[in-house]
Amino acid sequence: MYLRFVALLVYLLLFVVACSDKDKNAGGTSEAENSIAIENKDIAGVSQKGPFVNGSSVTLYELNFETRAQTGKSFLGRISDSAGSFSISNIELASQYALLRVDGFYRNEVTGKVSASQITLNAISDLSERDNVNINLLTHLEYERAVWLANENETTIKKAKVEADKEIFAIFGVEYDGNLFEDLNIFGTEDADAALLAISVIMHAGRTEGEFSLALANMAMDLEKDGKWDDAKAIAEAADNSFEADTAQIRKNMEAWDIAKDIPDFAPIVEHFWNDAFGLDRCTAKREGETKYNSNSHSRYYKKAFVCENAHWHSVSSISNCKNVTYDKTTQICDSRDEHIYNIVTIGFGEKEQTWMAENLNYADSANTPSLKGKNFCFENNEENCTATGRLYTWAAAIDSIALYEKSDSSCGSGKTCEMPKQIQGICPDGWHLPTQAEWEILIENVGGITYSATQLKTQEGWPVGSGGMNNYGFSSYPGGDRTASGIFGIQGDSADYWTASEKDSQNAYSIQLLDNNEDVQLWDFDKNYAFTVRCIQNAAN
């Protein structure tokens, strides 16, 4: 009898322990997490890229406790002020996990204006511990990664978010201080708030709203399974755009919104990001005066020289000024801006003698020549085509419109017609300029007149069979393609298109065309947003 009693007691103890272990793991994780119902709760926060505009929708979605998938239950709120504030009332959820999503237009800190199109940002949160959730770029990047970590490692959302936040900050060279991304505010005073604003600038600078949204989606997908940003080209593009960003102007843009008294000091984080991406590291007092070159082969500024001055890296337009470059000065020139060597040719006699580049221009430094930003292209976006046949430029880029405006009379401004100078250097090297229609006409005369002029200037190769030229004067006109105003690339091989410095009207400018089915040079006017090649002509001797 006694033995039976002991056996029964042991059985009961084992049953209690088993039940305790089972209860301890209720909810499907290994960390003693339980599902907590949310009853009659109000949630508030701010939705920011810059701030989403008044009236933008904020939706809270209930998530399944175990899978973190949407259950179909949702609650709607709206942005109620210029700071992006929102609130959602009377929330009832089966568990504590919720996805918050904002959709709408927002204030773009890079331009200072309201965005031209809408975007969507997400945030995942444990509502058992908070009444305030902010939605921002970092919560959006964190979302997919945190859910993957929580499901893969059977851990809590909170722990998964902390790990994801550390990984994302490390990508941008920021030390994680323990603040969750859903607590950050671009108008806040903490270092992490400055990091949020800096990363927003890094990802948005140089991009349209659509391009920005796509870049975020690609990065979030890249981060999801390993917490690393592995897209070297995307990193280089973000670094290039950050280098070009005017952080002082961005601060002024945000101050003009009159939403908050202070803007956190985000500029150093932006600068450190492109410093690291370019392989420059930090500019310290010990490195004052040191020169380094951008070692990122994916960057638009690859091999660009930078000098360390007053704790900042500054680009150097030309270190050697072609002094260390070997070239034949009788048949070639060296562009001191990037040390690119071009073949040249002299055609004509006496007063009509002209010296031309015998290759298309391939200059792309938009940091030192801002007119080029977003207005120069490689055919079919293939860098090898730029190397082979030069770049394609819009007319504004070809004439270096920003430099022209800065050099113009102060009365020449918005809403007024600017008188064009007789000679426009444009994006040509010093001592050279963008040829006018009249100078092209002299070239045509120098090669025998309009009849068969295209045949005289065309290369033998590159054109369709039977359409090539004689290239008797060494001008070497190769059919490098073009790009329409709507962004469509033409057919490489059917024409060689060159901008002139001559303007027809506010919308159109004149270009020179050599076609595959025509032996004569053609003069046409095209929309200034077309992108054509550029040939530079040497300035006349004084």
Protein backbone atom coordinates (compact mmCIF):
# COMPACT_ATOMS: atom_id res chain seq x y z
CA MET A 1 0.00 0.00 0.00
CA TYR A 2 2.81 2.34 0.93
CA LEU A 3 4.63 1.65 -2.35
CA ARG A 4 1.47 2.37 -4.33
CA PHE A 5 1.11 5.70 -2.53
CA VAL A 6 4.73 6.68 -3.31
CA ALA A 7 4.29 5.74 -6.96
CA LEU A 8 1.11 7.79 -7.19
CA LEU A 9 2.85 10.79 -5.58
CA VAL A 10 5.76 10.56 -8.03
CA TYR A 11 3.32 10.39 -10.96
CA LEU A 12 1.47 13.49 -9.74
CA LEU A 13 4.74 15.43 -9.32
CA LEU A 14 5.84 14.52 -12.83
CA PHE A 15 2.45 15.59 -14.21
CA VAL A 16 2.69 18.98 -12.47
CA VAL A 17 6.24 19.54 -13.78
CA ALA A 18 5.19 18.60 -17.30
CA CYS A 19 2.24 20.94 -17.16
CA SER A 20 4.45 23.71 -15.78
CA ASP A 21 6.93 23.25 -18.65
CA LYS A 22 4.08 23.26 -21.10
CA ASP A 23 2.68 26.48 -19.63
CA LYS A 24 6.10 28.05 -19.60
CA ASN A 25 6.33 27.69 -23.38
CA ALA A 26 2.75 28.64 -24.18
CA GLY A 27 2.58 30.97 -27.13
CA GLY A 28 5.05 29.14 -29.36
CA THR A 29 8.43 30.69 -28.37
CA SER A 30 11.28 29.40 -26.23
CA GLU A 31 11.44 32.54 -24.09
CA ALA A 32 8.39 32.22 -21.85
CA GLU A 33 6.42 34.75 -23.86
CA ASN A 34 2.64 34.72 -23.58
CA SER A 35 -0.02 36.17 -25.79
CA ILE A 36 -1.48 39.31 -24.22
CA ALA A 37 -4.82 40.62 -25.39
CA ILE A 38 -5.06 44.36 -25.99
CA GLU A 39 -8.31 45.89 -24.79
CA ASN A 40 -9.70 49.37 -25.45
CA LYS A 41 -6.27 50.92 -26.02
CA ASP A 42 -5.34 54.26 -27.61
CA ILE A 43 -2.10 54.55 -29.60
CA ALA A 44 -0.40 57.79 -30.72
CA GLY A 45 2.82 58.71 -32.52
CA VAL A 46 4.38 60.56 -35.44
CA SER A 47 4.77 59.34 -39.03
CA GLN A 48 7.88 60.75 -40.65
CA LYS A 49 10.12 60.62 -43.63
CA GLY A 50 9.90 64.13 -43.37
CA PRO A 51 6.54 64.42 -41.67
CA PHE A 52 3.62 62.93 -43.57
CA VAL A 53 1.14 65.63 -44.48
CA ASN A 54 -2.17 66.32 -42.81
CA GLY A 55 -4.82 63.78 -43.81
CA SER A 56 -2.47 60.90 -44.67
CA SER A 57 -3.86 57.55 -43.51
CA VAL A 58 -2.34 55.43 -40.74
CA THR A 59 -3.62 51.86 -40.39
CA LEU A 60 -3.00 49.47 -37.49
CA TYR A 61 -3.21 45.77 -38.41
CA GLU A 62 -3.63 42.95 -35.88
CA LEU A 63 -0.92 40.27 -36.17
CA ASN A 64 -1.15 36.58 -35.32
CA PHE A 65 0.81 35.95 -32.13
CA GLU A 66 2.74 32.94 -33.41
CA THR A 67 3.28 33.74 -37.11
CA ARG A 68 3.19 37.58 -37.00
CA ALA A 69 0.97 37.47 -40.09
CA GLN A 70 -1.98 39.83 -40.49
CA THR A 71 -5.29 38.42 -39.24
CA GLY A 72 -7.45 40.77 -41.31
CA LYS A 73 -8.50 42.98 -38.41
CA SER A 74 -7.49 46.63 -38.67
CA PHE A 75 -8.03 50.11 -37.19
CA LEU A 76 -7.76 53.40 -39.08
CA GLY A 77 -6.26 56.76 -38.08
CA ARG A 78 -5.08 59.90 -39.86
CA ILE A 79 -2.28 62.46 -39.65
CA SER A 80 -3.65 65.46 -37.81
CA ASP A 81 -0.93 68.14 -37.93
CA SER A 82 2.19 69.37 -39.76
CA ALA A 83 4.49 67.31 -37.50
CA GLY A 84 2.97 64.03 -38.76
CA SER A 85 1.12 63.26 -35.52
CA PHE A 86 -1.56 60.55 -35.48
CA SER A 87 -3.72 58.68 -32.98
CA ILE A 88 -5.83 55.52 -33.16
CA SER A 89 -8.50 54.88 -30.49
CA ASN A 90 -10.32 51.90 -28.99
CA ILE A 91 -7.95 49.21 -30.22
CA GLU A 92 -8.96 45.60 -29.44
CA LEU A 93 -6.45 42.87 -30.36
CA ALA A 94 -6.16 39.16 -29.64
CA SER A 95 -2.44 39.58 -28.94
CA GLN A 96 0.02 42.40 -28.37
CA TYR A 97 1.61 42.43 -31.83
CA ALA A 98 0.54 44.98 -34.43
CA LEU A 99 1.76 46.36 -37.74
CA LEU A 100 1.36 50.10 -38.29
CA ARG A 101 1.42 51.44 -41.84
CA VAL A 102 1.34 55.02 -43.12
CA ASP A 103 0.47 55.90 -46.71
CA GLY A 104 0.60 59.37 -48.19
CA PHE A 105 2.51 62.44 -49.26
CA TYR A 106 5.25 63.77 -47.01
CA ARG A 107 7.58 66.72 -46.60
CA ASN A 108 10.80 65.95 -48.45
CA GLU A 109 13.71 67.33 -46.42
CA VAL A 110 16.06 67.13 -49.41
CA THR A 111 13.95 69.47 -51.57
CA GLY A 112 12.05 71.23 -48.80
CA LYS A 113 8.80 70.61 -50.68
CA VAL A 114 5.88 68.23 -50.35
CA SER A 115 6.65 64.99 -52.20
CA ALA A 116 5.43 64.60 -55.76
CA SER A 117 4.13 61.09 -55.07
CA GLN A 118 3.06 58.95 -52.12
CA ILE A 119 5.10 56.35 -50.25
CA THR A 120 4.39 53.67 -47.64
CA LEU A 121 6.30 53.07 -44.39
CA ASN A 122 5.80 50.27 -41.84
CA ALA A 123 6.48 49.64 -38.16
CA ILE A 124 5.97 46.51 -36.05
CA SER A 125 5.33 46.94 -32.33
CA ASP A 126 4.51 45.16 -29.09
CA LEU A 127 1.58 47.21 -27.76
CA SER A 128 1.60 45.55 -24.34
CA GLU A 129 4.47 47.81 -23.36
CA ARG A 130 3.63 51.14 -24.97
CA ASP A 131 1.05 53.72 -25.92
CA ASN A 132 3.29 55.55 -28.40
CA VAL A 133 4.68 54.21 -31.69
CA ASN A 134 6.53 56.30 -34.27
CA ILE A 135 6.64 55.20 -37.91
CA ASN A 136 9.75 56.17 -39.86
CA LEU A 137 12.32 55.02 -42.39
CA LEU A 138 14.20 52.94 -39.81
CA THR A 139 11.11 51.10 -38.54
CA HIS A 140 10.40 50.31 -42.18
CA LEU A 141 13.88 48.84 -42.76
CA GLU A 142 13.65 46.98 -39.43
CA TYR A 143 10.25 45.33 -40.07
CA GLU A 144 11.07 42.43 -42.42
CA ARG A 145 14.33 41.64 -40.64
CA ALA A 146 12.75 41.62 -37.15
CA VAL A 147 9.90 39.32 -38.19
CA TRP A 148 12.38 36.93 -39.84
CA LEU A 149 14.58 36.87 -36.72
CA ALA A 150 11.64 36.32 -34.38
CA ASN A 151 10.25 33.44 -36.43
CA GLU A 152 13.60 31.84 -37.26
CA ASN A 153 15.07 32.02 -33.75
CA GLU A 154 11.80 31.59 -31.83
CA THR A 155 12.49 34.78 -29.93
CA THR A 156 10.41 37.78 -28.92
CA ILE A 157 9.73 40.64 -31.31
CA LYS A 158 11.40 43.03 -28.88
CA LYS A 159 14.68 41.07 -28.87
CA ALA A 160 14.50 40.63 -32.63
CA LYS A 161 14.02 44.38 -33.09
CA VAL A 162 17.06 45.17 -30.92
CA GLU A 163 19.25 42.85 -33.01
CA ALA A 164 17.89 44.29 -36.27
CA ASP A 165 18.42 47.85 -35.03
CA LYS A 166 22.05 47.13 -34.15
CA GLU A 167 22.65 45.66 -37.62
CA ILE A 168 21.06 48.59 -39.46
CA PHE A 169 22.93 51.23 -37.48
CA ALA A 170 26.22 49.36 -38.08
CA ILE A 171 25.62 49.56 -41.86
CA PHE A 172 25.63 53.36 -41.61
CA GLY A 173 28.52 53.56 -39.14
CA VAL A 174 26.33 54.49 -36.16
CA GLU A 175 26.76 53.04 -32.66
CA TYR A 176 23.53 51.58 -31.27
CA ASP A 177 22.54 53.23 -27.95
CA GLY A 178 19.54 51.07 -27.01
CA ASN A 179 16.79 53.35 -28.33
CA LEU A 180 14.21 51.42 -30.33
CA PHE A 181 13.54 52.84 -33.78
CA GLU A 182 9.84 53.34 -32.95
CA ASP A 183 10.92 55.90 -30.30
CA LEU A 184 12.96 58.06 -32.71
CA ASN A 185 11.96 61.44 -34.13
CA ILE A 186 13.75 63.49 -36.81
CA PHE A 187 13.16 66.54 -34.61
CA GLY A 188 14.49 64.82 -31.48
CA THR A 189 17.55 65.70 -29.41
CA GLU A 190 19.21 62.27 -29.04
CA ASP A 191 22.11 61.01 -31.14
CA ALA A 192 19.83 58.25 -32.44
CA ASP A 193 17.36 60.91 -33.66
CA ALA A 194 20.19 62.53 -35.63
CA ALA A 195 21.00 59.10 -37.08
CA LEU A 196 17.39 58.64 -38.22
CA LEU A 197 17.47 61.97 -40.05
CA ALA A 198 20.92 61.27 -41.52
CA ILE A 199 19.90 57.85 -42.87
CA SER A 200 16.73 59.40 -44.31
CA VAL A 201 18.92 61.90 -46.17
CA ILE A 202 21.39 59.23 -47.31
CA MET A 203 18.64 57.09 -48.81
CA HIS A 204 16.65 59.94 -50.40
CA ALA A 205 19.32 62.33 -51.70
CA GLY A 206 19.59 62.36 -55.49
CA ARG A 207 16.45 60.23 -55.94
CA THR A 208 12.88 60.88 -56.96
CA GLU A 209 10.17 59.65 -54.62
CA GLY A 210 9.63 56.59 -56.82
CA GLU A 211 13.35 55.79 -56.93
CA PHE A 212 13.58 56.30 -53.17
CA SER A 213 10.68 53.93 -52.49
CA LEU A 214 12.25 51.27 -54.73
CA ALA A 215 15.65 51.68 -53.03
CA LEU A 216 14.02 51.14 -49.61
CA ALA A 217 12.20 48.03 -50.81
CA ASN A 218 15.40 46.57 -52.27
CA MET A 219 17.38 47.29 -49.12
CA ALA A 220 14.72 45.80 -46.81
CA MET A 221 14.70 42.64 -48.94
CA ASP A 222 18.51 42.51 -48.84
CA LEU A 223 18.55 42.83 -45.04
CA GLU A 224 15.84 40.29 -44.27
CA LYS A 225 17.79 37.05 -43.88
CA ASP A 226 21.30 38.10 -42.85
CA GLY A 227 21.06 41.71 -41.64
CA LYS A 228 23.62 42.83 -44.22
CA TRP A 229 23.40 45.29 -47.10
CA ASP A 230 25.25 43.34 -49.78
CA ASP A 231 24.39 45.45 -52.87
CA ALA A 232 27.73 47.17 -53.57
CA LYS A 233 26.30 49.26 -56.41
CA ALA A 234 23.40 50.50 -54.29
CA ILE A 235 25.78 51.44 -51.47
CA ALA A 236 28.02 53.34 -53.89
CA GLU A 237 25.03 55.17 -55.38
CA ALA A 238 23.85 56.20 -51.91
CA ALA A 239 27.36 57.36 -51.06
CA ASP A 240 27.67 59.39 -54.28
CA ASN A 241 24.30 61.02 -53.65
CA SER A 242 25.24 61.74 -50.03
CA PHE A 243 28.50 63.33 -51.14
CA GLU A 244 26.54 65.59 -53.49
CA ALA A 245 23.84 66.42 -50.90
CA ASP A 246 23.82 69.97 -49.51
CA THR A 247 23.29 69.22 -45.81
CA ALA A 248 23.31 72.92 -44.88
CA GLN A 249 20.45 73.55 -47.33
CA ILE A 250 18.57 70.50 -46.03
CA ARG A 251 18.76 71.98 -42.53
CA LYS A 252 17.39 75.29 -43.87
CA ASN A 253 14.59 73.41 -45.63
CA MET A 254 13.52 71.80 -42.38
CA GLU A 255 13.83 75.00 -40.36
CA ALA A 256 11.56 76.73 -42.90
CA TRP A 257 8.79 74.23 -42.04
CA ASP A 258 8.63 75.88 -38.60
CA ILE A 259 7.73 72.58 -36.92
CA ALA A 260 10.49 72.34 -34.32
CA LYS A 261 13.03 74.75 -32.83
CA ASP A 262 16.05 72.52 -33.30
CA ILE A 263 17.22 70.08 -35.97
CA PRO A 264 19.61 67.35 -34.72
CA ASP A 265 23.19 67.38 -35.97
CA PHE A 266 22.81 64.85 -38.79
CA ALA A 267 25.47 66.14 -41.23
CA PRO A 268 28.50 64.33 -39.67
CA ILE A 269 26.75 60.96 -40.01
CA VAL A 270 25.99 61.64 -43.68
CA GLU A 271 29.60 62.66 -44.26
CA HIS A 272 31.04 59.67 -42.41
CA PHE A 273 28.90 57.32 -44.51
CA TRP A 274 30.33 58.47 -47.84
CA ASN A 275 33.81 58.76 -46.30
CA ASP A 276 33.67 55.06 -45.43
CA ALA A 277 32.04 54.02 -48.71
CA PHE A 278 34.79 55.83 -50.66
CA GLY A 279 37.49 54.16 -48.56
CA LEU A 280 38.73 57.47 -47.12
CA ASP A 281 38.10 56.76 -43.40
CA ARG A 282 38.02 59.76 -41.05
CA CYS A 283 39.74 63.09 -41.66
CA THR A 284 41.58 63.75 -38.38
CA ALA A 285 44.07 66.38 -37.24
CA LYS A 286 46.91 63.90 -37.78
CA ARG A 287 45.87 63.48 -41.41
CA GLU A 288 45.59 67.19 -42.18
CA GLY A 289 46.74 67.82 -45.75
CA GLU A 290 46.70 64.12 -46.68
CA THR A 291 45.41 63.20 -50.14
CA LYS A 292 43.50 59.96 -50.79
CA TYR A 293 41.65 58.58 -53.77
CA ASN A 294 38.17 57.10 -53.84
CA SER A 295 38.78 53.34 -53.98
CA ASN A 296 35.15 52.30 -54.60
CA SER A 297 35.03 51.07 -58.20
CA HIS A 298 31.22 51.31 -58.24
CA SER A 299 31.27 55.01 -57.40
CA ARG A 300 30.82 57.79 -59.96
CA TYR A 301 33.85 59.36 -58.25
CA TYR A 302 36.10 56.32 -58.47
CA LYS A 303 39.77 57.40 -58.34
CA LYS A 304 38.68 60.95 -57.54
CA ALA A 305 41.19 62.74 -55.31
CA PHE A 306 40.19 64.05 -51.87
CA VAL A 307 42.26 66.15 -49.48
CA CYS A 308 41.83 66.23 -45.68
CA GLU A 309 41.33 69.83 -44.49
CA ASN A 310 39.85 71.06 -41.19
CA ALA A 311 38.37 67.65 -40.28
CA HIS A 312 36.60 67.23 -43.63
CA TRP A 313 37.43 65.51 -46.92
CA HIS A 314 37.22 67.87 -49.89
CA SER A 315 37.28 66.84 -53.54
CA VAL A 316 40.21 68.04 -55.59
CA SER A 317 39.39 69.08 -59.15
CA SER A 318 42.82 67.96 -60.37
CA ILE A 319 45.90 67.01 -58.39
CA SER A 320 48.45 66.90 -61.20
CA ASN A 321 46.71 69.22 -63.70
CA CYS A 322 47.91 66.73 -66.33
CA LYS A 323 51.53 67.37 -65.41
CA ASN A 324 52.15 63.67 -64.80
CA VAL A 325 50.19 62.45 -67.83
CA THR A 326 52.01 61.48 -71.00
CA TYR A 327 50.32 62.44 -74.28
CA ASP A 328 51.14 63.85 -77.72
CA LYS A 329 50.38 67.57 -77.45
CA THR A 330 50.25 67.95 -81.23
CA THR A 331 47.46 65.40 -81.74
CA GLN A 332 45.89 65.13 -78.27
CA ILE A 333 44.66 67.22 -75.35
CA CYS A 334 44.43 66.36 -71.65
CA ASP A 335 41.32 67.50 -69.79
CA SER A 336 42.80 68.75 -66.49
CA ARG A 337 39.53 68.14 -64.66
CA ASP A 338 39.77 64.34 -64.87
CA GLU A 339 43.01 63.75 -66.83
CA HIS A 340 41.10 62.22 -69.74
CA ILE A 341 43.06 62.23 -73.03
CA TYR A 342 41.23 63.12 -76.27
CA ASN A 343 42.45 62.93 -79.85
CA ILE A 344 42.14 66.21 -81.76
CA VAL A 345 42.15 67.18 -85.44
CA THR A 346 42.65 70.46 -87.32
CA ILE A 347 40.48 70.99 -90.41
CA GLY A 348 40.46 73.95 -92.82
CA PHE A 349 42.88 76.75 -93.70
CA GLY A 350 43.45 80.40 -92.87
CA GLU A 351 40.57 82.19 -91.16
CA LYS A 352 38.39 79.07 -91.40
CA GLU A 353 40.86 76.72 -89.74
CA GLN A 354 39.30 74.88 -86.80
CA THR A 355 40.64 72.43 -84.24
CA TRP A 356 38.10 69.90 -83.03
CA MET A 357 38.05 67.00 -80.62
CA ALA A 358 38.16 63.83 -82.72
CA GLU A 359 36.27 61.99 -79.96
CA ASN A 360 33.04 62.59 -78.06
CA LEU A 361 33.32 64.18 -74.64
CA ASN A 362 33.23 61.81 -71.63
CA TYR A 363 33.22 64.18 -68.64
CA ALA A 364 30.89 63.35 -65.72
CA ASP A 365 32.02 65.16 -62.53
CA SER A 366 28.69 66.46 -61.25
CA ALA A 367 30.26 67.53 -57.94
CA ASN A 368 32.39 70.18 -59.62
CA THR A 369 29.90 70.73 -62.45
CA PRO A 370 26.40 70.56 -60.85
CA SER A 371 24.69 71.06 -64.21
CA LEU A 372 25.55 67.43 -65.00
CA LYS A 373 23.59 65.96 -62.11
CA GLY A 374 20.89 63.70 -63.52
CA LYS A 375 21.49 65.12 -67.00
CA ASN A 376 24.26 62.91 -68.43
CA PHE A 377 23.99 59.26 -69.40
CA CYS A 378 25.81 56.29 -70.85
CA PHE A 379 23.97 54.74 -73.77
CA GLU A 380 21.62 52.06 -72.39
CA ASN A 381 23.07 52.92 -68.93
CA ASN A 382 26.13 50.84 -69.75
CA GLU A 383 29.39 52.43 -68.60
CA GLU A 384 31.31 50.60 -71.33
CA ASN A 385 29.43 52.65 -73.94
CA CYS A 386 30.67 55.87 -72.33
CA THR A 387 34.22 54.58 -72.56
CA ALA A 388 33.76 53.64 -76.22
CA THR A 389 31.72 56.55 -77.60
CA GLY A 390 31.47 59.24 -74.92
CA ARG A 391 28.53 60.38 -72.83
CA LEU A 392 25.07 61.67 -73.73
CA TYR A 393 24.11 65.09 -72.35
CA THR A 394 20.92 67.12 -72.22
CA TRP A 395 21.28 70.62 -73.66
CA ALA A 396 21.25 72.19 -70.17
CA ALA A 397 24.16 69.96 -69.21
CA ALA A 398 26.02 70.64 -72.47
CA ILE A 399 25.92 74.42 -71.99
CA ASP A 400 26.60 74.08 -68.23
CA SER A 401 23.44 76.03 -67.48
CA ILE A 402 24.17 76.56 -63.77
CA ALA A 403 27.57 78.13 -64.49
CA LEU A 404 26.00 80.28 -67.21
CA TYR A 405 23.36 81.55 -64.79
CA GLU A 406 25.94 82.31 -62.10
CA LYS A 407 28.06 84.27 -64.60
CA SER A 408 25.10 86.14 -66.08
CA ASP A 409 23.96 89.64 -65.21
CA SER A 410 22.07 89.84 -61.90
CA SER A 411 18.97 91.02 -63.76
CA CYS A 412 18.82 87.69 -65.59
CA GLY A 413 16.69 85.56 -63.31
CA SER A 414 13.48 83.64 -62.89
CA GLY A 415 10.79 84.66 -65.34
CA LYS A 416 13.23 86.65 -67.50
CA THR A 417 14.98 85.85 -70.75
CA CYS A 418 18.74 85.50 -70.47
CA GLU A 419 20.86 86.65 -73.36
CA MET A 420 23.29 83.90 -74.34
CA PRO A 421 26.96 84.83 -74.71
CA LYS A 422 28.53 84.54 -78.16
CA GLN A 423 30.85 81.77 -76.98
CA ILE A 424 29.74 79.13 -74.48
CA GLN A 425 32.38 76.96 -72.85
CA GLY A 426 29.69 74.67 -71.47
CA ILE A 427 31.12 71.41 -70.19
CA CYS A 428 34.16 71.60 -72.47
CA PRO A 429 37.68 71.84 -70.96
CA ASP A 430 39.35 75.22 -70.46
CA GLY A 431 40.42 76.65 -73.82
CA TRP A 432 37.59 74.83 -75.61
CA HIS A 433 33.89 75.51 -76.07
CA LEU A 434 30.60 74.08 -77.30
CA PRO A 435 30.39 74.84 -81.05
CA THR A 436 27.63 77.04 -82.42
CA GLN A 437 25.53 76.22 -85.46
CA ALA A 438 27.69 78.63 -87.46
CA GLU A 439 30.90 76.83 -86.45
CA TRP A 440 29.42 73.51 -87.54
CA GLU A 441 28.54 75.11 -90.88
CA ILE A 442 32.19 76.17 -91.30
CA LEU A 443 33.26 72.58 -90.65
CA ILE A 444 30.84 71.37 -93.33
CA GLU A 445 32.25 73.93 -95.75
CA ASN A 446 35.81 72.86 -94.88
CA VAL A 447 35.08 69.24 -95.85
CA GLY A 448 33.65 70.18 -99.26
CA GLY A 449 30.19 71.59 -98.60
CA ILE A 450 26.86 70.07 -97.71
CA THR A 451 26.88 67.35 -100.38
CA TYR A 452 28.57 64.19 -99.08
CA SER A 453 29.65 66.05 -95.93
CA ALA A 454 28.42 63.24 -93.67
CA THR A 455 30.35 60.71 -95.72
CA GLN A 456 33.53 62.79 -95.22
CA LEU A 457 33.07 62.91 -91.41
CA LYS A 458 31.77 59.41 -90.63
CA THR A 459 33.93 56.53 -89.46
CA GLN A 460 34.00 53.45 -91.62
CA GLU A 461 33.10 51.18 -88.71
CA GLY A 462 30.06 51.23 -86.43
CA TRP A 463 27.53 52.12 -89.12
CA PRO A 464 25.24 49.64 -90.95
CA VAL A 465 26.76 47.99 -94.01
CA GLY A 466 26.91 50.51 -96.84
CA SER A 467 26.24 53.51 -94.56
CA GLY A 468 29.75 54.09 -93.25
CA GLY A 469 31.94 56.99 -94.26
CA MET A 470 35.38 57.83 -95.55
CA ASN A 471 36.62 59.73 -92.48
CA ASN A 472 38.96 61.59 -94.82
CA TYR A 473 39.59 64.42 -92.34
CA GLY A 474 39.99 62.34 -89.16
CA PHE A 475 36.85 63.75 -87.52
CA SER A 476 35.78 60.17 -86.67
CA SER A 477 32.01 60.58 -86.31
CA TYR A 478 30.82 57.31 -84.76
CA PRO A 479 27.11 56.45 -84.29
CA GLY A 480 26.97 56.45 -80.47
CA GLY A 481 23.19 56.57 -80.01
CA ASP A 482 20.97 59.06 -78.21
CA ARG A 483 18.30 59.32 -75.48
CA THR A 484 14.87 60.85 -75.99
CA ALA A 485 13.24 63.41 -73.69
CA SER A 486 11.12 60.60 -72.26
CA GLY A 487 14.21 58.56 -71.37
CA ILE A 488 14.18 56.01 -74.20
CA PHE A 489 17.51 55.15 -75.79
CA GLY A 490 17.65 55.14 -79.58
CA ILE A 491 19.33 52.60 -81.80
CA GLN A 492 23.11 52.61 -81.57
CA GLY A 493 24.42 52.64 -85.13
CA ASP A 494 21.73 54.64 -86.90
CA SER A 495 22.92 58.19 -86.16
CA ALA A 496 25.52 60.47 -84.62
CA ASP A 497 23.86 63.42 -82.86
CA TYR A 498 25.72 66.48 -81.58
CA TRP A 499 24.44 69.47 -79.63
CA THR A 500 25.23 72.96 -80.87
CA ALA A 501 25.37 75.96 -78.55
CA SER A 502 22.59 77.59 -80.61
CA GLU A 503 19.14 77.87 -79.09
CA LYS A 504 15.95 77.95 -81.16
CA ASP A 505 13.53 78.86 -78.36
CA SER A 506 12.82 78.12 -74.68
CA GLN A 507 11.98 74.50 -75.45
CA ASN A 508 14.30 73.53 -78.31
CA ALA A 509 17.93 73.83 -79.38
CA TYR A 510 19.74 73.00 -82.62
CA SER A 511 21.68 69.79 -83.15
CA ILE A 512 23.77 68.30 -85.92
CA GLN A 513 22.86 64.83 -87.16
CA LEU A 514 24.70 62.33 -89.33
CA LEU A 515 22.28 59.57 -90.34
CA ASP A 516 22.91 56.05 -91.57
CA ASN A 517 20.77 56.59 -94.67
CA ASN A 518 21.98 60.04 -95.68
CA GLU A 519 25.28 61.26 -97.10
CA ASP A 520 24.72 64.87 -96.01
CA VAL A 521 24.94 66.48 -92.56
CA GLN A 522 21.51 67.47 -91.21
CA LEU A 523 20.56 70.42 -88.97
CA TRP A 524 17.55 69.84 -86.72
CA ASP A 525 16.02 71.36 -83.62
CA PHE A 526 15.18 69.04 -80.72
CA ASP A 527 13.67 69.24 -77.26
CA LYS A 528 16.43 70.31 -74.88
CA ASN A 529 15.72 67.25 -72.72
CA TYR A 530 17.02 64.92 -75.41
CA ALA A 531 20.51 63.64 -74.62
CA PHE A 532 23.10 63.85 -77.42
CA THR A 533 26.88 63.63 -77.65
CA VAL A 534 29.17 66.66 -77.42
CA ARG A 535 32.17 67.62 -79.58
CA CYS A 536 34.24 70.54 -78.33
CA ILE A 537 36.05 73.05 -80.54
CA GLN A 538 39.20 74.94 -79.56
CA ASN A 539 38.93 78.63 -78.78
CA ALA A 540 40.36 80.91 -81.45
CA ALA A 541 43.79 82.37 -80.70
CA ASN A 542 43.66 86.00 -79.51
